[in-house]
PDB file of all heavy atoms in Angstrom:
ATOM      1  N   MET A   1     120.096  91.513  99.491  1.00  0.00           N
ATOM      2  CA  MET A   1     118.803  92.183  99.576  1.00  0.00           C
ATOM      3  C   MET A   1     118.322  92.645  98.201  1.00  0.00           C
ATOM      4  O   MET A   1     119.119  93.006  97.337  1.00  0.00           O
ATOM      5  CB  MET A   1     118.911  93.387 100.512  1.00  0.00           C
ATOM      6  CG  MET A   1     119.504  93.068 101.877  1.00  0.00           C
ATOM      7  SD  MET A   1     118.648  91.778 102.796  1.00  0.00           S
ATOM      8  CE  MET A   1     117.113  92.606 103.149  1.00  0.00           C
ATOM      9  N   LYS A   2     116.994  92.628  98.038  1.00  0.00           N
ATOM     10  CA  LYS A   2     116.372  93.050  96.775  1.00  0.00           C
ATOM     11  C   LYS A   2     115.155  93.899  97.085  1.00  0.00           C
ATOM     12  O   LYS A   2     114.392  93.596  97.993  1.00  0.00           O
ATOM     13  CB  LYS A   2     115.961  91.831  95.956  1.00  0.00           C
ATOM     14  CG  LYS A   2     115.296  92.191  94.640  1.00  0.00           C
ATOM     15  CD  LYS A   2     115.847  91.349  93.540  1.00  0.00           C
ATOM     16  CE  LYS A   2     115.257  91.713  92.207  1.00  0.00           C
ATOM     17  NZ  LYS A   2     116.165  92.489  91.420  1.00  0.00           N
ATOM     18  N   ASP A   3     114.974  94.956  96.327  1.00  0.00           N
ATOM     19  CA  ASP A   3     113.764  95.785  96.423  1.00  0.00           C
ATOM     20  C   ASP A   3     112.728  95.222  95.467  1.00  0.00           C
ATOM     21  O   ASP A   3     113.037  94.939  94.309  1.00  0.00           O
ATOM     22  CB  ASP A   3     114.060  97.233  96.042  1.00  0.00           C
ATOM     23  CG  ASP A   3     114.955  97.908  97.060  1.00  0.00           C
ATOM     24  OD1 ASP A   3     114.857  97.582  98.254  1.00  0.00           O
ATOM     25  OD2 ASP A   3     115.759  98.769  96.657  1.00  0.00           O
ATOM     26  N   ILE A   4     111.517  95.053  95.970  1.00  0.00           N
ATOM     27  CA  ILE A   4     110.415  94.580  95.132  1.00  0.00           C
ATOM     28  C   ILE A   4     109.224  95.496  95.328  1.00  0.00           C
ATOM     29  O   ILE A   4     109.152  96.250  96.293  1.00  0.00           O
ATOM     30  CB  ILE A   4     110.018  93.120  95.456  1.00  0.00           C
ATOM     31  CG1 ILE A   4     109.500  93.013  96.889  1.00  0.00           C
ATOM     32  CG2 ILE A   4     111.165  92.170  95.209  1.00  0.00           C
ATOM     33  CD1 ILE A   4     108.732  91.744  97.149  1.00  0.00           C
ATOM     34  N   LEU A   5     108.282  95.400  94.421  1.00  0.00           N
ATOM     35  CA  LEU A   5     107.037  96.141  94.526  1.00  0.00           C
ATOM     36  C   LEU A   5     106.001  95.187  95.092  1.00  0.00           C
ATOM     37  O   LEU A   5     105.713  94.144  94.497  1.00  0.00           O
ATOM     38  CB  LEU A   5     106.613  96.651  93.143  1.00  0.00           C
ATOM     39  CG  LEU A   5     105.641  97.808  93.110  1.00  0.00           C
ATOM     40  CD1 LEU A   5     106.183  98.991  93.897  1.00  0.00           C
ATOM     41  CD2 LEU A   5     105.359  98.215  91.688  1.00  0.00           C
ATOM     42  N   GLY A   6     105.458  95.517  96.260  1.00  0.00           N
ATOM     43  CA  GLY A   6     104.491  94.653  96.921  1.00  0.00           C
ATOM     44  C   GLY A   6     103.116  94.723  96.281  1.00  0.00           C
ATOM     45  O   GLY A   6     102.863  95.532  95.379  1.00  0.00           O
ATOM     46  N   GLU A   7     102.221  93.865  96.773  1.00  0.00           N
ATOM     47  CA  GLU A   7     100.851  93.815  96.250  1.00  0.00           C
ATOM     48  C   GLU A   7     100.121  95.138  96.408  1.00  0.00           C
ATOM     49  O   GLU A   7      99.253  95.471  95.626  1.00  0.00           O
ATOM     50  CB  GLU A   7     100.072  92.704  96.963  1.00  0.00           C
ATOM     51  CG  GLU A   7     100.556  91.314  96.631  1.00  0.00           C
ATOM     52  CD  GLU A   7      99.789  90.255  97.396  1.00  0.00           C
ATOM     53  OE1 GLU A   7      98.755  90.565  98.025  1.00  0.00           O
ATOM     54  OE2 GLU A   7     100.232  89.098  97.359  1.00  0.00           O
ATOM     55  N   ASN A   8     100.491  95.882  97.459  1.00  0.00           N
ATOM     56  CA  ASN A   8      99.836  97.168  97.720  1.00  0.00           C
ATOM     57  C   ASN A   8     100.468  98.315  96.933  1.00  0.00           C
ATOM     58  O   ASN A   8     100.108  99.472  97.127  1.00  0.00           O
ATOM     59  CB  ASN A   8      99.874  97.471  99.211  1.00  0.00           C
ATOM     60  CG  ASN A   8     101.287  97.534  99.764  1.00  0.00           C
ATOM     61  OD1 ASN A   8     102.257  97.393  99.032  1.00  0.00           O
ATOM     62  ND2 ASN A   8     101.394  97.742 101.055  1.00  0.00           N
ATOM     63  N   GLY A   9     101.423  97.991  96.070  1.00  0.00           N
ATOM     64  CA  GLY A   9     102.069  99.019  95.265  1.00  0.00           C
ATOM     65  C   GLY A   9     103.212  99.723  95.958  1.00  0.00           C
ATOM     66  O   GLY A   9     103.790 100.646  95.404  1.00  0.00           O
ATOM     67  N   ARG A  10     103.548  99.293  97.155  1.00  0.00           N
ATOM     68  CA  ARG A  10     104.642  99.911  97.892  1.00  0.00           C
ATOM     69  C   ARG A  10     105.912  99.078  97.767  1.00  0.00           C
ATOM     70  O   ARG A  10     105.859  97.867  97.659  1.00  0.00           O
ATOM     71  CB  ARG A  10     104.283 100.044  99.369  1.00  0.00           C
ATOM     72  CG  ARG A  10     103.167 101.017  99.593  1.00  0.00           C
ATOM     73  CD  ARG A  10     102.971 101.278 101.026  1.00  0.00           C
ATOM     74  NE  ARG A  10     101.864 102.204 101.195  1.00  0.00           N
ATOM     75  CZ  ARG A  10     101.580 102.785 102.315  1.00  0.00           C
ATOM     76  NH1 ARG A  10     102.289 102.526 103.392  1.00  0.00           N
ATOM     77  NH2 ARG A  10     100.569 103.620 102.391  1.00  0.00           N
ATOM     78  N   GLN A  11     107.015  99.779  97.805  1.00  0.00           N
ATOM     79  CA  GLN A  11     108.304  99.106  97.715  1.00  0.00           C
ATOM     80  C   GLN A  11     108.591  98.380  99.022  1.00  0.00           C
ATOM     81  O   GLN A  11     108.346  98.903 100.106  1.00  0.00           O
ATOM     82  CB  GLN A  11     109.401 100.126  97.440  1.00  0.00           C
ATOM     83  CG  GLN A  11     110.744  99.514  97.167  1.00  0.00           C
ATOM     84  CD  GLN A  11     111.755 100.536  96.704  1.00  0.00           C
ATOM     85  OE1 GLN A  11     111.390 101.550  96.103  1.00  0.00           O
ATOM     86  NE2 GLN A  11     113.007 100.310  96.995  1.00  0.00           N
ATOM     87  N   ALA A  12     109.130  97.173  98.909  1.00  0.00           N
ATOM     88  CA  ALA A  12     109.507  96.383 100.074  1.00  0.00           C
ATOM     89  C   ALA A  12     110.897  95.803  99.839  1.00  0.00           C
ATOM     90  O   ALA A  12     111.301  95.573  98.702  1.00  0.00           O
ATOM     91  CB  ALA A  12     108.506  95.272 100.306  1.00  0.00           C
ATOM     92  N   GLU A  13     111.614  95.582 100.918  1.00  0.00           N
ATOM     93  CA  GLU A  13     112.946  94.999 100.835  1.00  0.00           C
ATOM     94  C   GLU A  13     112.863  93.547 101.306  1.00  0.00           C
ATOM     95  O   GLU A  13     112.324  93.275 102.373  1.00  0.00           O
ATOM     96  CB  GLU A  13     113.906  95.787 101.731  1.00  0.00           C
ATOM     97  CG  GLU A  13     115.320  95.278 101.714  1.00  0.00           C
ATOM     98  CD  GLU A  13     116.221  96.098 102.620  1.00  0.00           C
ATOM     99  OE1 GLU A  13     115.925  96.220 103.822  1.00  0.00           O
ATOM    100  OE2 GLU A  13     117.227  96.590 102.116  1.00  0.00           O
ATOM    101  N   ILE A  14     113.388  92.628 100.492  1.00  0.00           N
ATOM    102  CA  ILE A  14     113.382  91.218 100.877  1.00  0.00           C
ATOM    103  C   ILE A  14     114.813  90.679 100.843  1.00  0.00           C
ATOM    104  O   ILE A  14     115.657  91.185 100.117  1.00  0.00           O
ATOM    105  CB  ILE A  14     112.478  90.354  99.975  1.00  0.00           C
ATOM    106  CG1 ILE A  14     112.961  90.382  98.525  1.00  0.00           C
ATOM    107  CG2 ILE A  14     111.023  90.772 100.067  1.00  0.00           C
ATOM    108  CD1 ILE A  14     112.370  89.307  97.662  1.00  0.00           C
ATOM    109  N   CYS A  15     115.027  89.639 101.633  1.00  0.00           N
ATOM    110  CA  CYS A  15     116.328  88.983 101.662  1.00  0.00           C
ATOM    111  C   CYS A  15     116.282  87.807 100.697  1.00  0.00           C
ATOM    112  O   CYS A  15     115.488  86.884 100.869  1.00  0.00           O
ATOM    113  CB  CYS A  15     116.640  88.518 103.085  1.00  0.00           C
ATOM    114  SG  CYS A  15     118.226  87.697 103.238  1.00  0.00           S
ATOM    115  N   GLN A  16     117.116  87.855  99.671  1.00  0.00           N
ATOM    116  CA  GLN A  16     117.182  86.778  98.684  1.00  0.00           C
ATOM    117  C   GLN A  16     117.926  85.569  99.237  1.00  0.00           C
ATOM    118  O   GLN A  16     117.621  84.440  98.901  1.00  0.00           O
ATOM    119  CB  GLN A  16     117.885  87.258  97.417  1.00  0.00           C
ATOM    120  CG  GLN A  16     117.139  88.308  96.653  1.00  0.00           C
ATOM    121  CD  GLN A  16     115.901  87.767  95.985  1.00  0.00           C
ATOM    122  OE1 GLN A  16     114.876  87.568  96.614  1.00  0.00           O
ATOM    123  NE2 GLN A  16     116.003  87.497  94.707  1.00  0.00           N
ATOM    124  N   SER A  17     118.940  85.829 100.056  1.00  0.00           N
ATOM    125  CA  SER A  17     119.744  84.756 100.628  1.00  0.00           C
ATOM    126  C   SER A  17     120.571  85.323 101.770  1.00  0.00           C
ATOM    127  O   SER A  17     120.871  86.517 101.802  1.00  0.00           O
ATOM    128  CB  SER A  17     120.673  84.169  99.569  1.00  0.00           C
ATOM    129  OG  SER A  17     121.391  83.075 100.074  1.00  0.00           O
ATOM    130  N   SER A  18     120.927  84.452 102.700  1.00  0.00           N
ATOM    131  CA  SER A  18     121.761  84.833 103.827  1.00  0.00           C
ATOM    132  C   SER A  18     122.842  83.778 103.993  1.00  0.00           C
ATOM    133  O   SER A  18     122.552  82.576 104.001  1.00  0.00           O
ATOM    134  CB  SER A  18     120.897  84.927 105.088  1.00  0.00           C
ATOM    135  OG  SER A  18     121.688  85.250 106.196  1.00  0.00           O
ATOM    136  N   LEU A  19     124.092  84.218 104.097  1.00  0.00           N
ATOM    137  CA  LEU A  19     125.216  83.300 104.236  1.00  0.00           C
ATOM    138  C   LEU A  19     126.060  83.699 105.441  1.00  0.00           C
ATOM    139  O   LEU A  19     126.227  84.882 105.727  1.00  0.00           O
ATOM    140  CB  LEU A  19     126.104  83.340 102.996  1.00  0.00           C
ATOM    141  CG  LEU A  19     125.475  82.927 101.676  1.00  0.00           C
ATOM    142  CD1 LEU A  19     126.400  83.266 100.523  1.00  0.00           C
ATOM    143  CD2 LEU A  19     125.177  81.452 101.692  1.00  0.00           C
ATOM    144  N   GLU A  20     126.605  82.710 106.112  1.00  0.00           N
ATOM    145  CA  GLU A  20     127.551  82.955 107.192  1.00  0.00           C
ATOM    146  C   GLU A  20     128.930  82.556 106.689  1.00  0.00           C
ATOM    147  O   GLU A  20     129.120  81.437 106.202  1.00  0.00           O
ATOM    148  CB  GLU A  20     127.177  82.135 108.423  1.00  0.00           C
ATOM    149  CG  GLU A  20     127.992  82.478 109.633  1.00  0.00           C
ATOM    150  CD  GLU A  20     127.470  81.813 110.896  1.00  0.00           C
ATOM    151  OE1 GLU A  20     126.257  81.571 110.986  1.00  0.00           O
ATOM    152  OE2 GLU A  20     128.305  81.542 111.768  1.00  0.00           O
ATOM    153  N   VAL A  21     129.887  83.481 106.779  1.00  0.00           N
ATOM    154  CA  VAL A  21     131.233  83.222 106.270  1.00  0.00           C
ATOM    155  C   VAL A  21     132.276  83.671 107.291  1.00  0.00           C
ATOM    156  O   VAL A  21     132.015  84.535 108.122  1.00  0.00           O
ATOM    157  CB  VAL A  21     131.490  83.931 104.923  1.00  0.00           C
ATOM    158  CG1 VAL A  21     130.565  83.439 103.846  1.00  0.00           C
ATOM    159  CG2 VAL A  21     131.386  85.433 105.052  1.00  0.00           C
ATOM    160  N   GLU A  22     133.452  83.066 107.208  1.00  0.00           N
ATOM    161  CA  GLU A  22     134.597  83.489 108.001  1.00  0.00           C
ATOM    162  C   GLU A  22     135.529  84.271 107.093  1.00  0.00           C
ATOM    163  O   GLU A  22     135.804  83.855 105.967  1.00  0.00           O
ATOM    164  CB  GLU A  22     135.344  82.283 108.558  1.00  0.00           C
ATOM    165  CG  GLU A  22     134.640  81.614 109.698  1.00  0.00           C
ATOM    166  CD  GLU A  22     135.500  80.538 110.342  1.00  0.00           C
ATOM    167  OE1 GLU A  22     136.747  80.620 110.267  1.00  0.00           O
ATOM    168  OE2 GLU A  22     134.914  79.624 110.907  1.00  0.00           O
ATOM    169  N   ALA A  23     136.005  85.413 107.594  1.00  0.00           N
ATOM    170  CA  ALA A  23     136.893  86.249 106.796  1.00  0.00           C
ATOM    171  C   ALA A  23     137.703  87.165 107.703  1.00  0.00           C
ATOM    172  O   ALA A  23     137.352  87.373 108.870  1.00  0.00           O
ATOM    173  CB  ALA A  23     136.090  87.079 105.800  1.00  0.00           C
ATOM    174  N   ALA A  24     138.764  87.713 107.156  1.00  0.00           N
ATOM    175  CA  ALA A  24     139.628  88.620 107.909  1.00  0.00           C
ATOM    176  C   ALA A  24     138.945  89.958 108.178  1.00  0.00           C
ATOM    177  O   ALA A  24     139.202  90.599 109.201  1.00  0.00           O
ATOM    178  CB  ALA A  24     140.937  88.843 107.155  1.00  0.00           C
ATOM    179  N   ASN A  25     138.061  90.385 107.253  1.00  0.00           N
ATOM    180  CA  ASN A  25     137.371  91.669 107.423  1.00  0.00           C
ATOM    181  C   ASN A  25     136.066  91.647 106.621  1.00  0.00           C
ATOM    182  O   ASN A  25     135.795  90.689 105.884  1.00  0.00           O
ATOM    183  CB  ASN A  25     138.279  92.826 106.980  1.00  0.00           C
ATOM    184  CG  ASN A  25     138.793  92.654 105.577  1.00  0.00           C
ATOM    185  OD1 ASN A  25     138.031  92.437 104.635  1.00  0.00           O
ATOM    186  ND2 ASN A  25     140.119  92.717 105.414  1.00  0.00           N
ATOM    187  N   SER A  26     135.284  92.694 106.745  1.00  0.00           N
ATOM    188  CA  SER A  26     133.972  92.727 106.089  1.00  0.00           C
ATOM    189  C   SER A  26     134.089  92.766 104.564  1.00  0.00           C
ATOM    190  O   SER A  26     133.240  92.201 103.866  1.00  0.00           O
ATOM    191  CB  SER A  26     133.142  93.913 106.586  1.00  0.00           C
ATOM    192  OG  SER A  26     133.767  95.132 106.268  1.00  0.00           O
ATOM    193  N   ARG A  27     135.133  93.392 104.049  1.00  0.00           N
ATOM    194  CA  ARG A  27     135.319  93.429 102.594  1.00  0.00           C
ATOM    195  C   ARG A  27     135.566  92.021 102.047  1.00  0.00           C
ATOM    196  O   ARG A  27     134.980  91.619 101.050  1.00  0.00           O
ATOM    197  CB  ARG A  27     136.487  94.345 102.227  1.00  0.00           C
ATOM    198  CG  ARG A  27     136.666  94.486 100.716  1.00  0.00           C
ATOM    199  CD  ARG A  27     137.829  95.381 100.346  1.00  0.00           C
ATOM    200  NE  ARG A  27     137.623  96.719 100.891  1.00  0.00           N
ATOM    201  CZ  ARG A  27     138.611  97.515 101.292  1.00  0.00           C
ATOM    202  NH1 ARG A  27     139.859  97.125 101.204  1.00  0.00           N
ATOM    203  NH2 ARG A  27     138.341  98.711 101.754  1.00  0.00           N
ATOM    204  N   ASP A  28     136.433  91.265 102.725  1.00  0.00           N
ATOM    205  CA  ASP A  28     136.693  89.888 102.309  1.00  0.00           C
ATOM    206  C   ASP A  28     135.444  89.026 102.460  1.00  0.00           C
ATOM    207  O   ASP A  28     135.155  88.182 101.621  1.00  0.00           O
ATOM    208  CB  ASP A  28     137.835  89.274 103.118  1.00  0.00           C
ATOM    209  CG  ASP A  28     139.196  89.864 102.775  1.00  0.00           C
ATOM    210  OD1 ASP A  28     139.300  90.591 101.759  1.00  0.00           O
ATOM    211  OD2 ASP A  28     140.147  89.602 103.530  1.00  0.00           O
ATOM    212  N   ALA A  29     134.694  89.247 103.535  1.00  0.00           N
ATOM    213  CA  ALA A  29     133.456  88.499 103.757  1.00  0.00           C
ATOM    214  C   ALA A  29     132.471  88.733 102.622  1.00  0.00           C
ATOM    215  O   ALA A  29     131.821  87.803 102.139  1.00  0.00           O
ATOM    216  CB  ALA A  29     132.824  88.890 105.090  1.00  0.00           C
ATOM    217  N   THR A  30     132.379  89.964 102.168  1.00  0.00           N
ATOM    218  CA  THR A  30     131.483  90.307 101.068  1.00  0.00           C
ATOM    219  C   THR A  30     131.876  89.570  99.796  1.00  0.00           C
ATOM    220  O   THR A  30     131.024  88.982  99.123  1.00  0.00           O
ATOM    221  CB  THR A  30     131.493  91.829 100.817  1.00  0.00           C
ATOM    222  OG1 THR A  30     131.071  92.496 102.007  1.00  0.00           O
ATOM    223  CG2 THR A  30     130.591  92.204  99.672  1.00  0.00           C
ATOM    224  N   GLU A  31     133.161  89.567  99.478  1.00  0.00           N
ATOM    225  CA  GLU A  31     133.621  88.910  98.258  1.00  0.00           C
ATOM    226  C   GLU A  31     133.442  87.393  98.319  1.00  0.00           C
ATOM    227  O   GLU A  31     133.028  86.772  97.337  1.00  0.00           O
ATOM    228  CB  GLU A  31     135.081  89.272  97.979  1.00  0.00           C
ATOM    229  CG  GLU A  31     135.283  90.732  97.624  1.00  0.00           C
ATOM    230  CD  GLU A  31     134.377  91.208  96.501  1.00  0.00           C
ATOM    231  OE1 GLU A  31     134.284  90.525  95.461  1.00  0.00           O
ATOM    232  OE2 GLU A  31     133.753  92.277  96.652  1.00  0.00           O
ATOM    233  N   ILE A  32     133.722  86.791  99.468  1.00  0.00           N
ATOM    234  CA  ILE A  32     133.529  85.348  99.635  1.00  0.00           C
ATOM    235  C   ILE A  32     132.057  85.000  99.467  1.00  0.00           C
ATOM    236  O   ILE A  32     131.695  84.051  98.772  1.00  0.00           O
ATOM    237  CB  ILE A  32     134.044  84.888 101.018  1.00  0.00           C
ATOM    238  CG1 ILE A  32     135.569  84.996 101.074  1.00  0.00           C
ATOM    239  CG2 ILE A  32     133.589  83.462 101.326  1.00  0.00           C
ATOM    240  CD1 ILE A  32     136.149  84.874 102.474  1.00  0.00           C
ATOM    241  N   ALA A  33     131.192  85.790 100.104  1.00  0.00           N
ATOM    242  CA  ALA A  33     129.753  85.528 100.029  1.00  0.00           C
ATOM    243  C   ALA A  33     129.223  85.712  98.608  1.00  0.00           C
ATOM    244  O   ALA A  33     128.367  84.947  98.163  1.00  0.00           O
ATOM    245  CB  ALA A  33     129.005  86.436 100.999  1.00  0.00           C
ATOM    246  N   LYS A  34     129.721  86.716  97.896  1.00  0.00           N
ATOM    247  CA  LYS A  34     129.289  86.919  96.506  1.00  0.00           C
ATOM    248  C   LYS A  34     129.624  85.700  95.654  1.00  0.00           C
ATOM    249  O   LYS A  34     128.796  85.252  94.846  1.00  0.00           O
ATOM    250  CB  LYS A  34     129.953  88.162  95.912  1.00  0.00           C
ATOM    251  CG  LYS A  34     129.361  89.467  96.400  1.00  0.00           C
ATOM    252  CD  LYS A  34     130.127  90.638  95.817  1.00  0.00           C
ATOM    253  CE  LYS A  34     129.595  91.965  96.276  1.00  0.00           C
ATOM    254  NZ  LYS A  34     130.365  93.102  95.725  1.00  0.00           N
ATOM    255  N   GLN A  35     130.815  85.150  95.841  1.00  0.00           N
ATOM    256  CA  GLN A  35     131.211  83.957  95.092  1.00  0.00           C
ATOM    257  C   GLN A  35     130.306  82.771  95.431  1.00  0.00           C
ATOM    258  O   GLN A  35     129.847  82.052  94.539  1.00  0.00           O
ATOM    259  CB  GLN A  35     132.668  83.607  95.373  1.00  0.00           C
ATOM    260  CG  GLN A  35     133.643  84.594  94.796  1.00  0.00           C
ATOM    261  CD  GLN A  35     135.076  84.313  95.229  1.00  0.00           C
ATOM    262  OE1 GLN A  35     135.369  83.348  95.916  1.00  0.00           O
ATOM    263  NE2 GLN A  35     135.986  85.190  94.820  1.00  0.00           N
ATOM    264  N   LYS A  36     130.047  82.568  96.721  1.00  0.00           N
ATOM    265  CA  LYS A  36     129.187  81.458  97.147  1.00  0.00           C
ATOM    266  C   LYS A  36     127.755  81.637  96.634  1.00  0.00           C
ATOM    267  O   LYS A  36     127.112  80.677  96.212  1.00  0.00           O
ATOM    268  CB  LYS A  36     129.185  81.325  98.669  1.00  0.00           C
ATOM    269  CG  LYS A  36     130.472  80.783  99.217  1.00  0.00           C
ATOM    270  CD  LYS A  36     130.386  80.584 100.714  1.00  0.00           C
ATOM    271  CE  LYS A  36     131.656  79.975 101.258  1.00  0.00           C
ATOM    272  NZ  LYS A  36     131.542  79.642 102.680  1.00  0.00           N
ATOM    273  N   PHE A  37     127.256  82.866  96.696  1.00  0.00           N
ATOM    274  CA  PHE A  37     125.902  83.162  96.220  1.00  0.00           C
ATOM    275  C   PHE A  37     125.782  82.833  94.735  1.00  0.00           C
ATOM    276  O   PHE A  37     124.818  82.200  94.301  1.00  0.00           O
ATOM    277  CB  PHE A  37     125.568  84.630  96.486  1.00  0.00           C
ATOM    278  CG  PHE A  37     124.193  85.054  96.068  1.00  0.00           C
ATOM    279  CD1 PHE A  37     123.074  84.630  96.762  1.00  0.00           C
ATOM    280  CD2 PHE A  37     124.009  85.893  94.980  1.00  0.00           C
ATOM    281  CE1 PHE A  37     121.801  85.030  96.381  1.00  0.00           C
ATOM    282  CE2 PHE A  37     122.759  86.302  94.592  1.00  0.00           C
ATOM    283  CZ  PHE A  37     121.643  85.871  95.302  1.00  0.00           C
ATOM    284  N   CYS A  38     126.779  83.235  93.950  1.00  0.00           N
ATOM    285  CA  CYS A  38     126.768  82.947  92.514  1.00  0.00           C
ATOM    286  C   CYS A  38     126.795  81.447  92.251  1.00  0.00           C
ATOM    287  O   CYS A  38     126.084  80.958  91.361  1.00  0.00           O
ATOM    288  CB  CYS A  38     127.947  83.628  91.825  1.00  0.00           C
ATOM    289  SG  CYS A  38     127.742  85.404  91.632  1.00  0.00           S
ATOM    290  N   GLN A  39     127.580  80.708  93.018  1.00  0.00           N
ATOM    291  CA  GLN A  39     127.615  79.251  92.863  1.00  0.00           C
ATOM    292  C   GLN A  39     126.267  78.632  93.208  1.00  0.00           C
ATOM    293  O   GLN A  39     125.765  77.777  92.469  1.00  0.00           O
ATOM    294  CB  GLN A  39     128.706  78.643  93.747  1.00  0.00           C
ATOM    295  CG  GLN A  39     130.103  78.949  93.286  1.00  0.00           C
ATOM    296  CD  GLN A  39     131.154  78.513  94.278  1.00  0.00           C
ATOM    297  OE1 GLN A  39     130.874  78.161  95.420  1.00  0.00           O
ATOM    298  NE2 GLN A  39     132.409  78.551  93.842  1.00  0.00           N
ATOM    299  N   MET A  40     125.675  79.065  94.314  1.00  0.00           N
ATOM    300  CA  MET A  40     124.386  78.516  94.749  1.00  0.00           C
ATOM    301  C   MET A  40     123.276  78.790  93.737  1.00  0.00           C
ATOM    302  O   MET A  40     122.434  77.939  93.474  1.00  0.00           O
ATOM    303  CB  MET A  40     123.961  79.126  96.104  1.00  0.00           C
ATOM    304  CG  MET A  40     124.744  78.640  97.262  1.00  0.00           C
ATOM    305  SD  MET A  40     124.358  79.459  98.847  1.00  0.00           S
ATOM    306  CE  MET A  40     122.873  80.344  98.571  1.00  0.00           C
ATOM    307  N   GLU A  41     123.269  79.998  93.186  1.00  0.00           N
ATOM    308  CA  GLU A  41     122.202  80.418  92.283  1.00  0.00           C
ATOM    309  C   GLU A  41     122.547  80.181  90.810  1.00  0.00           C
ATOM    310  O   GLU A  41     121.754  80.515  89.928  1.00  0.00           O
ATOM    311  CB  GLU A  41     121.884  81.905  92.501  1.00  0.00           C
ATOM    312  CG  GLU A  41     121.387  82.238  93.891  1.00  0.00           C
ATOM    313  CD  GLU A  41     120.039  81.627  94.186  1.00  0.00           C
ATOM    314  OE1 GLU A  41     119.208  81.495  93.255  1.00  0.00           O
ATOM    315  OE2 GLU A  41     119.803  81.268  95.358  1.00  0.00           O
ATOM    316  N   ARG A  42     123.737  79.651  90.571  1.00  0.00           N
ATOM    317  CA  ARG A  42     124.227  79.415  89.206  1.00  0.00           C
ATOM    318  C   ARG A  42     124.177  80.694  88.366  1.00  0.00           C
ATOM    319  O   ARG A  42     123.581  80.749  87.287  1.00  0.00           O
ATOM    320  CB  ARG A  42     123.441  78.290  88.545  1.00  0.00           C
ATOM    321  CG  ARG A  42     123.645  76.976  89.239  1.00  0.00           C
ATOM    322  CD  ARG A  42     122.960  75.860  88.530  1.00  0.00           C
ATOM    323  NE  ARG A  42     123.282  74.614  89.216  1.00  0.00           N
ATOM    324  CZ  ARG A  42     122.439  73.626  89.354  1.00  0.00           C
ATOM    325  NH1 ARG A  42     121.224  73.701  88.849  1.00  0.00           N
ATOM    326  NH2 ARG A  42     122.799  72.533  89.988  1.00  0.00           N
ATOM    327  N   LEU A  43     124.834  81.714  88.911  1.00  0.00           N
ATOM    328  CA  LEU A  43     124.883  83.032  88.274  1.00  0.00           C
ATOM    329  C   LEU A  43     126.321  83.408  87.963  1.00  0.00           C
ATOM    330  O   LEU A  43     127.245  82.953  88.630  1.00  0.00           O
ATOM    331  CB  LEU A  43     124.325  84.101  89.219  1.00  0.00           C
ATOM    332  CG  LEU A  43     122.879  83.973  89.659  1.00  0.00           C
ATOM    333  CD1 LEU A  43     122.598  84.969  90.766  1.00  0.00           C
ATOM    334  CD2 LEU A  43     121.958  84.207  88.484  1.00  0.00           C
TER     335      LEU A  43
END
């Protein structure tokens, strides 16, 4: 998720990307997704 400033001058939250991952727990899911996101976006 990213906060942006909309055309009306108000802050809005947008989803930059959404990934589905398999993991043992939410912490592992977060780390796996971060790695995949970086690969996809070349970051």
